[in-house]
Protein backbone atom coordinates (compact mmCIF):
# COMPACT_ATOMS: atom_id res chain seq x y z
CA MET A 1 0.04 -0.04 -0.05
CA LEU A 2 1.21 3.42 -0.75
CA THR A 3 0.81 5.84 2.11
CA ARG A 4 2.50 9.13 0.69
CA THR A 5 1.11 9.07 -2.93
CA SER A 6 -2.28 9.83 -4.11
CA ALA A 7 -4.42 8.33 -6.62
CA ASP A 8 -4.30 11.58 -8.61
CA GLU A 9 -0.49 11.45 -8.75
CA ILE A 10 -0.66 7.67 -10.05
CA ALA A 11 -3.29 8.79 -12.49
CA SER A 12 -0.83 11.23 -13.92
CA LEU A 13 1.64 8.54 -14.63
CA LEU A 14 -1.03 6.24 -16.11
CA LYS A 15 -2.16 9.21 -18.48
CA ASN A 16 1.49 9.52 -19.73
CA ASP A 17 1.57 5.78 -20.46
CA HIS A 18 -1.97 5.25 -21.77
CA PRO A 19 -3.18 8.56 -23.26
CA THR A 20 -6.27 6.86 -24.81
CA TRP A 21 -7.57 5.25 -21.73
CA ALA A 22 -10.83 6.92 -20.32
CA SER A 23 -10.45 9.02 -17.37
CA VAL A 24 -12.74 7.04 -15.25
CA SER A 25 -10.66 3.89 -15.95
CA ILE A 26 -7.46 5.85 -15.16
CA GLN A 27 -8.79 6.84 -11.77
CA ARG A 28 -10.14 3.42 -10.83
CA GLN A 29 -6.89 1.82 -11.81
CA ALA A 30 -4.86 4.56 -9.95
CA GLN A 31 -6.87 4.06 -6.69
CA SER A 32 -6.19 0.22 -7.11
CA TYR A 33 -2.48 0.86 -7.36
CA VAL A 34 -2.37 3.11 -4.28
CA GLU A 35 -4.18 0.35 -2.29
CA THR A 36 -2.12 -2.57 -3.55
CA LEU A 37 1.29 -1.63 -4.65
CA ASP A 38 4.10 -2.70 -2.36
CA GLY A 39 5.28 0.07 0.02
CA ARG A 40 8.88 -0.65 -0.82
CA LEU A 41 8.31 0.81 -4.34
CA GLU A 42 7.03 4.20 -3.04
CA ASP A 43 10.18 5.95 -2.87
CA LEU A 44 10.92 5.19 -6.48
CA ILE A 45 7.33 6.57 -7.38
CA ARG A 46 7.88 9.74 -5.22
CA ALA A 47 11.22 10.62 -6.79
CA TYR A 48 9.93 9.83 -10.32
CA LEU A 49 6.86 12.16 -9.75
CA ALA A 50 9.04 14.98 -8.15
CA THR A 51 11.96 15.01 -10.39
CA GLY A 52 11.73 12.55 -13.13
CA THR A 53 14.57 10.60 -11.50
CA MET A 54 14.37 6.79 -12.24
CA LYS A 55 15.82 5.21 -9.18
CA ASN A 56 16.53 1.59 -9.01
CA PHE A 57 15.29 -1.07 -6.72
CA ARG A 58 16.65 -4.71 -6.80
CA HIS A 59 14.97 -7.86 -5.59
CA LYS A 60 16.70 -11.18 -6.11
CA ASP A 61 16.96 -11.69 -9.81
CA PHE A 62 15.62 -8.40 -11.18
CA SER A 63 15.89 -4.50 -10.77
CA VAL A 64 13.50 -2.08 -11.89
CA LEU A 65 15.81 -0.46 -14.50
CA GLN A 66 16.66 -3.91 -15.77
CA ILE A 67 12.93 -4.68 -16.26
CA GLN A 68 12.42 -1.42 -18.01
CA HIS A 69 15.20 -2.22 -20.50
CA LEU A 70 14.21 -5.83 -21.33
CA VAL A 71 11.64 -4.30 -23.58
CA PRO A 72 12.24 -1.48 -25.68
CA GLY A 73 9.72 1.39 -25.01
CA ARG A 74 8.51 0.02 -21.75
CA SER A 75 7.81 2.99 -19.35
CA TYR A 76 9.50 3.31 -16.09
CA PHE A 77 6.25 3.02 -14.35
CA ASP A 78 5.44 -0.15 -16.17
CA ALA A 79 8.66 -1.60 -14.87
CA ILE A 80 7.50 -0.63 -11.28
CA LEU A 81 4.33 -2.46 -11.77
CA LEU A 82 6.08 -5.61 -13.02
CA MET A 83 8.57 -5.45 -9.99
CA ASP A 84 5.36 -5.16 -7.90
CA ALA A 85 4.24 -8.36 -9.46
CA TYR A 86 7.44 -10.03 -8.82
CA LEU A 87 7.58 -9.05 -5.27
CA LYS A 88 4.12 -10.40 -4.63
CA ASP A 89 4.76 -13.78 -6.61
CA GLU A 90 8.20 -14.40 -7.96
CA ARG A 91 7.04 -17.26 -10.35
CA SER A 92 4.21 -15.32 -12.04
CA GLY A 93 6.14 -12.03 -11.78
CA ARG A 94 9.01 -13.50 -13.57
CA ALA A 95 6.70 -14.75 -16.34
CA LEU A 96 5.27 -11.40 -16.77
CA ILE A 97 8.57 -9.63 -16.91
CA LEU A 98 10.10 -12.20 -19.42
CA ARG A 99 6.83 -12.34 -21.60
CA ARG A 100 7.64 -11.17 -25.15
CA GLN A 101 5.47 -8.38 -26.39
C-alpha cells in the first residue's frame, strides 16, 4: 500500500503511459494501485513524480531499471508495476517480466 502517494498522482503517470484510456478507468486503476502496490516501491514513485529521477530497486534476480530495458519502449512506471508483481509472486512475476510483447 502506498501511504504518501495519491491516486491523482498515480493517475498522472497512467495518463502519460496510456493517453487513450478513459479518465474514469485511469482513476479506478490509480486508486487500485495506491491500495495494492508494495510500499517498498513508493520511494521510487515519489522521486519519479517529483523530479523525473528513475531510481533503481533490486529484488533477487531483477531490478526495476533492468525490467524497463528488457523490452524497448517499456515505461519506468510499467517496470515498477512488473516489479510489484515479482515481489508479490516471484514465479508469475518472472513470467510477466520475461513475456515477449
